[in-house]
Amino acid sequence: MKKWFSYLPKLLVSMGVSCITLALIFKLVGGQYDSVSKTRLIQILTGTSLPLFALAFLSSVMQALFRSLRYRLLIAGGGLQPPRFFPLILITMTRNM
């Protein structure tokens, strides 16, 4: 349980950066183009099909899992000690963004 709390500050900083980035995108898009309004963007995001969003999210997570497994096999096949699985998944997901 103690290890989980060690990731918490990094997670909060990451979420904060993501929120700031989204806010900046909304500000730039909403102020630069007259045909695009903030309310229309919010309507599009809230009108997204939840099952399709969940399917896309699940697909992305599964791809990261399989890529991480492949990387571990390649590293182990090269005669090196592969890293632990959870950090490798995080690295793989970050790299594929």
PDB file of N, CA and C in Angstrom:
ATOM      1  N   MET A   1       0.823  -1.197   0.000  1.00  0.00           N
ATOM      2  CA  MET A   1       0.000   0.000   0.000  1.00  0.00           C
ATOM      3  C   MET A   1       0.859   1.248   0.000  1.00  0.00           C
ATOM      4  N   LYS A   2       2.006   1.150   0.660  1.00  0.00           N
ATOM      5  CA  LYS A   2       2.887   2.303   0.745  1.00  0.00           C
ATOM      6  C   LYS A   2       3.436   2.698  -0.625  1.00  0.00           C
ATOM      7  N   LYS A   3       3.685   1.691  -1.495  1.00  0.00           N
ATOM      8  CA  LYS A   3       4.207   1.984  -2.826  1.00  0.00           C
ATOM      9  C   LYS A   3       3.213   2.777  -3.657  1.00  0.00           C
ATOM     10  N   TRP A   4       1.920   2.496  -3.495  1.00  0.00           N
ATOM     11  CA  TRP A   4       0.900   3.192  -4.266  1.00  0.00           C
ATOM     12  C   TRP A   4       0.953   4.687  -4.001  1.00  0.00           C
ATOM     13  N   PHE A   5       1.187   5.077  -2.739  1.00  0.00           N
ATOM     14  CA  PHE A   5       1.230   6.490  -2.394  1.00  0.00           C
ATOM     15  C   PHE A   5       2.443   7.181  -2.990  1.00  0.00           C
ATOM     16  N   SER A   6       3.484   6.442  -3.308  1.00  0.00           N
ATOM     17  CA  SER A   6       4.655   7.064  -3.917  1.00  0.00           C
ATOM     18  C   SER A   6       4.365   7.527  -5.339  1.00  0.00           C
ATOM     19  N   TYR A   7       3.387   6.902  -6.014  1.00  0.00           N
ATOM     20  CA  TYR A   7       3.004   7.328  -7.362  1.00  0.00           C
ATOM     21  C   TYR A   7       2.022   8.496  -7.348  1.00  0.00           C
ATOM     22  N   LEU A   8       1.390   8.760  -6.229  1.00  0.00           N
ATOM     23  CA  LEU A   8       0.333   9.765  -6.148  1.00  0.00           C
ATOM     24  C   LEU A   8       0.793  11.168  -6.547  1.00  0.00           C
ATOM     25  N   PRO A   9       1.915  11.691  -6.052  1.00  0.00           N
ATOM     26  CA  PRO A   9       2.324  13.035  -6.483  1.00  0.00           C
ATOM     27  C   PRO A   9       2.559  13.130  -7.990  1.00  0.00           C
ATOM     28  N   LYS A  10       3.182  12.113  -8.563  1.00  0.00           N
ATOM     29  CA  LYS A  10       3.420  12.120 -10.012  1.00  0.00           C
ATOM     30  C   LYS A  10       2.104  12.076 -10.775  1.00  0.00           C
ATOM     31  N   LEU A  11       1.164  11.290 -10.279  1.00  0.00           N
ATOM     32  CA  LEU A  11      -0.136  11.191 -10.918  1.00  0.00           C
ATOM     33  C   LEU A  11      -0.873  12.519 -10.866  1.00  0.00           C
ATOM     34  N   LEU A  12      -0.837  13.187  -9.727  1.00  0.00           N
ATOM     35  CA  LEU A  12      -1.514  14.485  -9.593  1.00  0.00           C
ATOM     36  C   LEU A  12      -0.878  15.539 -10.494  1.00  0.00           C
ATOM     37  N   VAL A  13       0.444  15.549 -10.568  1.00  0.00           N
ATOM     38  CA  VAL A  13       1.124  16.501 -11.457  1.00  0.00           C
ATOM     39  C   VAL A  13       0.753  16.211 -12.907  1.00  0.00           C
ATOM     40  N   SER A  14       0.737  14.945 -13.271  1.00  0.00           N
ATOM     41  CA  SER A  14       0.374  14.561 -14.633  1.00  0.00           C
ATOM     42  C   SER A  14      -1.057  14.977 -14.969  1.00  0.00           C
ATOM     43  N   MET A  15      -1.979  14.750 -14.049  1.00  0.00           N
ATOM     44  CA  MET A  15      -3.371  15.157 -14.282  1.00  0.00           C
ATOM     45  C   MET A  15      -3.488  16.674 -14.368  1.00  0.00           C
ATOM     46  N   GLY A  16      -2.721  17.392 -13.542  1.00  0.00           N
ATOM     47  CA  GLY A  16      -2.736  18.847 -13.595  1.00  0.00           C
ATOM     48  C   GLY A  16      -2.238  19.374 -14.926  1.00  0.00           C
ATOM     49  N   VAL A  17      -1.156  18.788 -15.431  1.00  0.00           N
ATOM     50  CA  VAL A  17      -0.624  19.206 -16.730  1.00  0.00           C
ATOM     51  C   VAL A  17      -1.635  18.912 -17.833  1.00  0.00           C
ATOM     52  N   SER A  18      -2.299  17.770 -17.758  1.00  0.00           N
ATOM     53  CA  SER A  18      -3.315  17.429 -18.757  1.00  0.00           C
ATOM     54  C   SER A  18      -4.471  18.421 -18.730  1.00  0.00           C
ATOM     55  N   CYS A  19      -4.926  18.795 -17.540  1.00  0.00           N
ATOM     56  CA  CYS A  19      -6.025  19.763 -17.415  1.00  0.00           C
ATOM     57  C   CYS A  19      -5.620  21.138 -17.944  1.00  0.00           C
ATOM     58  N   ILE A  20      -4.408  21.556 -17.641  1.00  0.00           N
ATOM     59  CA  ILE A  20      -3.919  22.844 -18.135  1.00  0.00           C
ATOM     60  C   ILE A  20      -3.818  22.822 -19.655  1.00  0.00           C
ATOM     61  N   THR A  21      -3.346  21.708 -20.212  1.00  0.00           N
ATOM     62  CA  THR A  21      -3.236  21.586 -21.659  1.00  0.00           C
ATOM     63  C   THR A  21      -4.611  21.650 -22.318  1.00  0.00           C
ATOM     64  N   LEU A  22      -5.584  20.936 -21.762  1.00  0.00           N
ATOM     65  CA  LEU A  22      -6.943  20.996 -22.312  1.00  0.00           C
ATOM     66  C   LEU A  22      -7.529  22.399 -22.214  1.00  0.00           C
ATOM     67  N   ALA A  23      -7.304  23.049 -21.087  1.00  0.00           N
ATOM     68  CA  ALA A  23      -7.808  24.419 -20.931  1.00  0.00           C
ATOM     69  C   ALA A  23      -7.176  25.345 -21.954  1.00  0.00           C
ATOM     70  N   LEU A  24      -5.890  25.183 -22.199  1.00  0.00           N
ATOM     71  CA  LEU A  24      -5.207  26.013 -23.194  1.00  0.00           C
ATOM     72  C   LEU A  24      -5.737  25.740 -24.595  1.00  0.00           C
ATOM     73  N   ILE A  25      -5.979  24.483 -24.906  1.00  0.00           N
ATOM     74  CA  ILE A  25      -6.536  24.144 -26.224  1.00  0.00           C
ATOM     75  C   ILE A  25      -7.912  24.771 -26.384  1.00  0.00           C
ATOM     76  N   PHE A  26      -8.766  24.656 -25.356  1.00  0.00           N
ATOM     77  CA  PHE A  26     -10.094  25.270 -25.439  1.00  0.00           C
ATOM     78  C   PHE A  26      -9.995  26.778 -25.604  1.00  0.00           C
ATOM     79  N   LYS A  27      -9.072  27.405 -24.901  1.00  0.00           N
ATOM     80  CA  LYS A  27      -8.927  28.858 -24.988  1.00  0.00           C
ATOM     81  C   LYS A  27      -8.458  29.269 -26.380  1.00  0.00           C
ATOM     82  N   LEU A  28      -7.480  28.565 -26.910  1.00  0.00           N
ATOM     83  CA  LEU A  28      -6.954  28.908 -28.225  1.00  0.00           C
ATOM     84  C   LEU A  28      -7.964  28.652 -29.331  1.00  0.00           C
ATOM     85  N   VAL A  29      -8.629  27.507 -29.284  1.00  0.00           N
ATOM     86  CA  VAL A  29      -9.602  27.169 -30.321  1.00  0.00           C
ATOM     87  C   VAL A  29     -10.828  28.073 -30.217  1.00  0.00           C
ATOM     88  N   GLY A  30     -11.288  28.308 -29.015  1.00  0.00           N
ATOM     89  CA  GLY A  30     -12.475  29.138 -28.830  1.00  0.00           C
ATOM     90  C   GLY A  30     -12.247  30.596 -29.206  1.00  0.00           C
ATOM     91  N   GLY A  31     -11.037  31.097 -29.013  1.00  0.00           N
ATOM     92  CA  GLY A  31     -10.769  32.494 -29.308  1.00  0.00           C
ATOM     93  C   GLY A  31     -10.274  32.741 -30.710  1.00  0.00           C
ATOM     94  N   GLN A  32      -9.737  31.718 -31.375  1.00  0.00           N
ATOM     95  CA  GLN A  32      -9.120  31.931 -32.679  1.00  0.00           C
ATOM     96  C   GLN A  32     -10.108  31.785 -33.830  1.00  0.00           C
ATOM     97  N   TYR A  33     -11.002  30.853 -33.723  1.00  0.00           N
ATOM     98  CA  TYR A  33     -11.926  30.579 -34.814  1.00  0.00           C
ATOM     99  C   TYR A  33     -13.326  30.984 -34.401  1.00  0.00           C
ATOM    100  N   ASP A  34     -13.961  31.800 -35.215  1.00  0.00           N
ATOM    101  CA  ASP A  34     -15.306  32.252 -34.891  1.00  0.00           C
ATOM    102  C   ASP A  34     -16.352  31.153 -35.110  1.00  0.00           C
ATOM    103  N   SER A  35     -16.071  30.230 -36.029  1.00  0.00           N
ATOM    104  CA  SER A  35     -17.047  29.187 -36.316  1.00  0.00           C
ATOM    105  C   SER A  35     -17.059  28.088 -35.247  1.00  0.00           C
ATOM    106  N   VAL A  36     -16.040  28.037 -34.391  1.00  0.00           N
ATOM    107  CA  VAL A  36     -15.972  27.026 -33.341  1.00  0.00           C
ATOM    108  C   VAL A  36     -16.221  27.706 -32.000  1.00  0.00           C
ATOM    109  N   SER A  37     -17.224  27.235 -31.291  1.00  0.00           N
ATOM    110  CA  SER A  37     -17.506  27.815 -29.989  1.00  0.00           C
ATOM    111  C   SER A  37     -17.181  26.816 -28.895  1.00  0.00           C
ATOM    112  N   LYS A  38     -16.924  27.331 -27.727  1.00  0.00           N
ATOM    113  CA  LYS A  38     -16.625  26.453 -26.588  1.00  0.00           C
ATOM    114  C   LYS A  38     -17.818  25.573 -26.245  1.00  0.00           C
ATOM    115  N   THR A  39     -18.995  26.130 -26.333  1.00  0.00           N
ATOM    116  CA  THR A  39     -20.181  25.333 -26.005  1.00  0.00           C
ATOM    117  C   THR A  39     -20.360  24.191 -26.997  1.00  0.00           C
ATOM    118  N   ARG A  40     -20.051  24.438 -28.272  1.00  0.00           N
ATOM    119  CA  ARG A  40     -20.166  23.377 -29.282  1.00  0.00           C
ATOM    120  C   ARG A  40     -19.141  22.265 -29.010  1.00  0.00           C
ATOM    121  N   LEU A  41     -17.925  22.640 -28.621  1.00  0.00           N
ATOM    122  CA  LEU A  41     -16.917  21.641 -28.292  1.00  0.00           C
ATOM    123  C   LEU A  41     -17.343  20.794 -27.105  1.00  0.00           C
ATOM    124  N   ILE A  42     -17.899  21.431 -26.090  1.00  0.00           N
ATOM    125  CA  ILE A  42     -18.365  20.703 -24.910  1.00  0.00           C
ATOM    126  C   ILE A  42     -19.531  19.793 -25.273  1.00  0.00           C
ATOM    127  N   GLN A  43     -20.421  20.245 -26.171  1.00  0.00           N
ATOM    128  CA  GLN A  43     -21.525  19.396 -26.624  1.00  0.00           C
ATOM    129  C   GLN A  43     -21.007  18.156 -27.345  1.00  0.00           C
ATOM    130  N   ILE A  44     -19.981  18.331 -28.153  1.00  0.00           N
ATOM    131  CA  ILE A  44     -19.412  17.195 -28.885  1.00  0.00           C
ATOM    132  C   ILE A  44     -18.784  16.204 -27.914  1.00  0.00           C
ATOM    133  N   LEU A  45     -18.022  16.723 -26.940  1.00  0.00           N
ATOM    134  CA  LEU A  45     -17.367  15.832 -25.988  1.00  0.00           C
ATOM    135  C   LEU A  45     -18.364  15.108 -25.093  1.00  0.00           C
ATOM    136  N   THR A  46     -19.410  15.804 -24.656  1.00  0.00           N
ATOM    137  CA  THR A  46     -20.400  15.159 -23.789  1.00  0.00           C
ATOM    138  C   THR A  46     -21.352  14.273 -24.581  1.00  0.00           C
ATOM    139  N   GLY A  47     -21.457  14.485 -25.885  1.00  0.00           N
ATOM    140  CA  GLY A  47     -22.340  13.672 -26.718  1.00  0.00           C
ATOM    141  C   GLY A  47     -21.680  12.424 -27.268  1.00  0.00           C
ATOM    142  N   THR A  48     -20.433  12.204 -26.900  1.00  0.00           N
ATOM    143  CA  THR A  48     -19.714  11.032 -27.377  1.00  0.00           C
ATOM    144  C   THR A  48     -20.342   9.766 -26.802  1.00  0.00           C
ATOM    145  N   SER A  49     -20.448   8.765 -27.639  1.00  0.00           N
ATOM    146  CA  SER A  49     -21.025   7.493 -27.211  1.00  0.00           C
ATOM    147  C   SER A  49     -20.138   6.851 -26.155  1.00  0.00           C
ATOM    148  N   LEU A  50     -20.691   6.600 -24.997  1.00  0.00           N
ATOM    149  CA  LEU A  50     -19.928   6.011 -23.900  1.00  0.00           C
ATOM    150  C   LEU A  50     -19.448   4.589 -24.219  1.00  0.00           C
ATOM    151  N   PRO A  51     -20.280   3.722 -24.808  1.00  0.00           N
ATOM    152  CA  PRO A  51     -19.770   2.390 -25.149  1.00  0.00           C
ATOM    153  C   PRO A  51     -18.613   2.431 -26.158  1.00  0.00           C
ATOM    154  N   LEU A  52     -18.709   3.316 -27.149  1.00  0.00           N
ATOM    155  CA  LEU A  52     -17.611   3.414 -28.115  1.00  0.00           C
ATOM    156  C   LEU A  52     -16.344   3.984 -27.469  1.00  0.00           C
ATOM    157  N   PHE A  53     -16.511   4.939 -26.575  1.00  0.00           N
ATOM    158  CA  PHE A  53     -15.364   5.481 -25.856  1.00  0.00           C
ATOM    159  C   PHE A  53     -14.717   4.395 -25.000  1.00  0.00           C
ATOM    160  N   ALA A  54     -15.539   3.605 -24.311  1.00  0.00           N
ATOM    161  CA  ALA A  54     -15.011   2.524 -23.477  1.00  0.00           C
ATOM    162  C   ALA A  54     -14.301   1.472 -24.326  1.00  0.00           C
ATOM    163  N   LEU A  55     -14.846   1.174 -25.500  1.00  0.00           N
ATOM    164  CA  LEU A  55     -14.207   0.220 -26.396  1.00  0.00           C
ATOM    165  C   LEU A  55     -12.856   0.736 -26.884  1.00  0.00           C
ATOM    166  N   ALA A  56     -12.785   2.009 -27.238  1.00  0.00           N
ATOM    167  CA  ALA A  56     -11.518   2.601 -27.674  1.00  0.00           C
ATOM    168  C   ALA A  56     -10.504   2.607 -26.532  1.00  0.00           C
ATOM    169  N   PHE A  57     -10.955   2.926 -25.332  1.00  0.00           N
ATOM    170  CA  PHE A  57     -10.071   2.942 -24.171  1.00  0.00           C
ATOM    171  C   PHE A  57      -9.549   1.538 -23.875  1.00  0.00           C
ATOM    172  N   LEU A  58     -10.433   0.557 -23.883  1.00  0.00           N
ATOM    173  CA  LEU A  58     -10.040  -0.829 -23.630  1.00  0.00           C
ATOM    174  C   LEU A  58      -9.064  -1.320 -24.696  1.00  0.00           C
ATOM    175  N   SER A  59      -9.315  -0.955 -25.930  1.00  0.00           N
ATOM    176  CA  SER A  59      -8.416  -1.332 -27.015  1.00  0.00           C
ATOM    177  C   SER A  59      -7.028  -0.733 -26.809  1.00  0.00           C
ATOM    178  N   SER A  60      -6.975   0.512 -26.400  1.00  0.00           N
ATOM    179  CA  SER A  60      -5.695   1.167 -26.148  1.00  0.00           C
ATOM    180  C   SER A  60      -4.935   0.502 -25.006  1.00  0.00           C
ATOM    181  N   VAL A  61      -5.640   0.151 -23.944  1.00  0.00           N
ATOM    182  CA  VAL A  61      -5.003  -0.507 -22.802  1.00  0.00           C
ATOM    183  C   VAL A  61      -4.497  -1.889 -23.204  1.00  0.00           C
ATOM    184  N   MET A  62      -5.291  -2.633 -23.959  1.00  0.00           N
ATOM    185  CA  MET A  62      -4.866  -3.966 -24.394  1.00  0.00           C
ATOM    186  C   MET A  62      -3.643  -3.889 -25.307  1.00  0.00           C
ATOM    187  N   GLN A  63      -3.608  -2.905 -26.189  1.00  0.00           N
ATOM    188  CA  GLN A  63      -2.436  -2.729 -27.046  1.00  0.00           C
ATOM    189  C   GLN A  63      -1.194  -2.452 -26.215  1.00  0.00           C
ATOM    190  N   ALA A  64      -1.327  -1.618 -25.200  1.00  0.00           N
ATOM    191  CA  ALA A  64      -0.187  -1.315 -24.330  1.00  0.00           C
ATOM    192  C   ALA A  64       0.272  -2.563 -23.581  1.00  0.00           C
ATOM    193  N   LEU A  65      -0.680  -3.377 -23.121  1.00  0.00           N
ATOM    194  CA  LEU A  65      -0.319  -4.615 -22.422  1.00  0.00           C
ATOM    195  C   LEU A  65       0.452  -5.566 -23.336  1.00  0.00           C
ATOM    196  N   PHE A  66      -0.057  -5.759 -24.554  1.00  0.00           N
ATOM    197  CA  PHE A  66       0.614  -6.668 -25.478  1.00  0.00           C
ATOM    198  C   PHE A  66       1.978  -6.134 -25.909  1.00  0.00           C
ATOM    199  N   ARG A  67       2.078  -4.833 -26.117  1.00  0.00           N
ATOM    200  CA  ARG A  67       3.380  -4.256 -26.459  1.00  0.00           C
ATOM    201  C   ARG A  67       4.366  -4.420 -25.311  1.00  0.00           C
ATOM    202  N   SER A  68       3.903  -4.240 -24.087  1.00  0.00           N
ATOM    203  CA  SER A  68       4.785  -4.409 -22.932  1.00  0.00           C
ATOM    204  C   SER A  68       5.279  -5.846 -22.823  1.00  0.00           C
ATOM    205  N   LEU A  69       4.374  -6.790 -23.055  1.00  0.00           N
ATOM    206  CA  LEU A  69       4.787  -8.195 -23.048  1.00  0.00           C
ATOM    207  C   LEU A  69       5.830  -8.467 -24.134  1.00  0.00           C
ATOM    208  N   ARG A  70       5.605  -7.918 -25.301  1.00  0.00           N
ATOM    209  CA  ARG A  70       6.553  -8.102 -26.397  1.00  0.00           C
ATOM    210  C   ARG A  70       7.911  -7.500 -26.053  1.00  0.00           C
ATOM    211  N   TYR A  71       7.911  -6.288 -25.471  1.00  0.00           N
ATOM    212  CA  TYR A  71       9.173  -5.650 -25.092  1.00  0.00           C
ATOM    213  C   TYR A  71       9.919  -6.482 -24.048  1.00  0.00           C
ATOM    214  N   ARG A  72       9.178  -7.026 -23.075  1.00  0.00           N
ATOM    215  CA  ARG A  72       9.822  -7.874 -22.053  1.00  0.00           C
ATOM    216  C   ARG A  72      10.454  -9.107 -22.689  1.00  0.00           C
ATOM    217  N   LEU A  73       9.743  -9.714 -23.632  1.00  0.00           N
ATOM    218  CA  LEU A  73      10.294 -10.892 -24.311  1.00  0.00           C
ATOM    219  C   LEU A  73      11.535 -10.540 -25.121  1.00  0.00           C
ATOM    220  N   LEU A  74      11.504  -9.406 -25.802  1.00  0.00           N
ATOM    221  CA  LEU A  74      12.660  -8.990 -26.596  1.00  0.00           C
ATOM    222  C   LEU A  74      13.863  -8.676 -25.708  1.00  0.00           C
ATOM    223  N   ILE A  75      13.611  -8.013 -24.596  1.00  0.00           N
ATOM    224  CA  ILE A  75      14.708  -7.681 -23.672  1.00  0.00           C
ATOM    225  C   ILE A  75      15.287  -8.953 -23.050  1.00  0.00           C
ATOM    226  N   ALA A  76      14.404  -9.852 -22.623  1.00  0.00           N
ATOM    227  CA  ALA A  76      14.869 -11.111 -22.039  1.00  0.00           C
ATOM    228  C   ALA A  76      15.588 -11.964 -23.082  1.00  0.00           C
ATOM    229  N   GLY A  77      15.131 -11.927 -24.325  1.00  0.00           N
ATOM    230  CA  GLY A  77      15.784 -12.674 -25.393  1.00  0.00           C
ATOM    231  C   GLY A  77      17.169 -12.145 -25.707  1.00  0.00           C
ATOM    232  N   GLY A  78      17.392 -10.874 -25.402  1.00  0.00           N
ATOM    233  CA  GLY A  78      18.707 -10.279 -25.611  1.00  0.00           C
ATOM    234  C   GLY A  78      19.677 -10.569 -24.486  1.00  0.00           C
ATOM    235  N   GLY A  79      19.226 -11.305 -23.489  1.00  0.00           N
ATOM    236  CA  GLY A  79      20.108 -11.684 -22.396  1.00  0.00           C
ATOM    237  C   GLY A  79      20.146 -10.687 -21.249  1.00  0.00           C
ATOM    238  N   LEU A  80      19.254  -9.707 -21.264  1.00  0.00           N
ATOM    239  CA  LEU A  80      19.209  -8.712 -20.191  1.00  0.00           C
ATOM    240  C   LEU A  80      18.054  -9.010 -19.251  1.00  0.00           C
ATOM    241  N   GLN A  81      18.125  -8.464 -18.070  1.00  0.00           N
ATOM    242  CA  GLN A  81      17.046  -8.586 -17.091  1.00  0.00           C
ATOM    243  C   GLN A  81      15.941  -7.593 -17.465  1.00  0.00           C
ATOM    244  N   PRO A  82      14.745  -8.076 -17.818  1.00  0.00           N
ATOM    245  CA  PRO A  82      13.682  -7.132 -18.188  1.00  0.00           C
ATOM    246  C   PRO A  82      13.181  -6.372 -16.963  1.00  0.00           C
ATOM    247  N   PRO A  83      12.708  -5.139 -17.169  1.00  0.00           N
ATOM    248  CA  PRO A  83      12.150  -4.375 -16.044  1.00  0.00           C
ATOM    249  C   PRO A  83      10.840  -4.989 -15.569  1.00  0.00           C
ATOM    250  N   ARG A  84      10.391  -4.540 -14.400  1.00  0.00           N
ATOM    251  CA  ARG A  84       9.108  -5.016 -13.881  1.00  0.00           C
ATOM    252  C   ARG A  84       7.994  -4.620 -14.848  1.00  0.00           C
ATOM    253  N   PHE A  85       6.897  -5.351 -14.778  1.00  0.00           N
ATOM    254  CA  PHE A  85       5.839  -5.205 -15.779  1.00  0.00           C
ATOM    255  C   PHE A  85       5.103  -3.867 -15.667  1.00  0.00           C
ATOM    256  N   PHE A  86       4.727  -3.457 -14.450  1.00  0.00           N
ATOM    257  CA  PHE A  86       3.937  -2.223 -14.306  1.00  0.00           C
ATOM    258  C   PHE A  86       4.689  -0.981 -14.793  1.00  0.00           C
ATOM    259  N   PRO A  87       5.955  -0.766 -14.405  1.00  0.00           N
ATOM    260  CA  PRO A  87       6.664   0.395 -14.966  1.00  0.00           C
ATOM    261  C   PRO A  87       6.809   0.326 -16.481  1.00  0.00           C
ATOM    262  N   LEU A  88       6.965  -0.880 -17.009  1.00  0.00           N
ATOM    263  CA  LEU A  88       7.096  -1.026 -18.458  1.00  0.00           C
ATOM    264  C   LEU A  88       5.787  -0.661 -19.158  1.00  0.00           C
ATOM    265  N   ILE A  89       4.653  -0.994 -18.554  1.00  0.00           N
ATOM    266  CA  ILE A  89       3.361  -0.594 -19.129  1.00  0.00           C
ATOM    267  C   ILE A  89       3.245   0.929 -19.144  1.00  0.00           C
ATOM    268  N   LEU A  90       3.627   1.578 -18.044  1.00  0.00           N
ATOM    269  CA  LEU A  90       3.555   3.040 -17.997  1.00  0.00           C
ATOM    270  C   LEU A  90       4.451   3.674 -19.052  1.00  0.00           C
ATOM    271  N   ILE A  91       5.638   3.131 -19.219  1.00  0.00           N
ATOM    272  CA  ILE A  91       6.560   3.651 -20.236  1.00  0.00           C
ATOM    273  C   ILE A  91       5.973   3.444 -21.623  1.00  0.00           C
ATOM    274  N   THR A  92       5.417   2.278 -21.862  1.00  0.00           N
ATOM    275  CA  THR A  92       4.830   1.976 -23.163  1.00  0.00           C
ATOM    276  C   THR A  92       3.652   2.891 -23.468  1.00  0.00           C
ATOM    277  N   MET A  93       2.791   3.120 -22.486  1.00  0.00           N
ATOM    278  CA  MET A  93       1.634   3.996 -22.710  1.00  0.00           C
ATOM    279  C   MET A  93       2.077   5.435 -22.948  1.00  0.00           C
ATOM    280  N   THR A  94       3.093   5.875 -22.238  1.00  0.00           N
ATOM    281  CA  THR A  94       3.590   7.247 -22.429  1.00  0.00           C
ATOM    282  C   THR A  94       4.231   7.390 -23.793  1.00  0.00           C
ATOM    283  N   ARG A  95       5.002   6.404 -24.175  1.00  0.00           N
ATOM    284  CA  ARG A  95       5.695   6.450 -25.467  1.00  0.00           C
ATOM    285  C   ARG A  95       4.705   6.458 -26.627  1.00  0.00           C
ATOM    286  N   ASN A  96       3.579   5.812 -26.490  1.00  0.00           N
ATOM    287  CA  ASN A  96       2.621   5.691 -27.588  1.00  0.00           C
ATOM    288  C   ASN A  96       1.586   6.821 -27.619  1.00  0.00           C
ATOM    289  N   MET A  97       1.709   7.790 -26.772  1.00  0.00           N
ATOM    290  CA  MET A  97       0.755   8.907 -26.794  1.00  0.00           C
ATOM    291  C   MET A  97       0.984   9.790 -27.995  1.00  0.00           C
TER     292      MET A  97
END
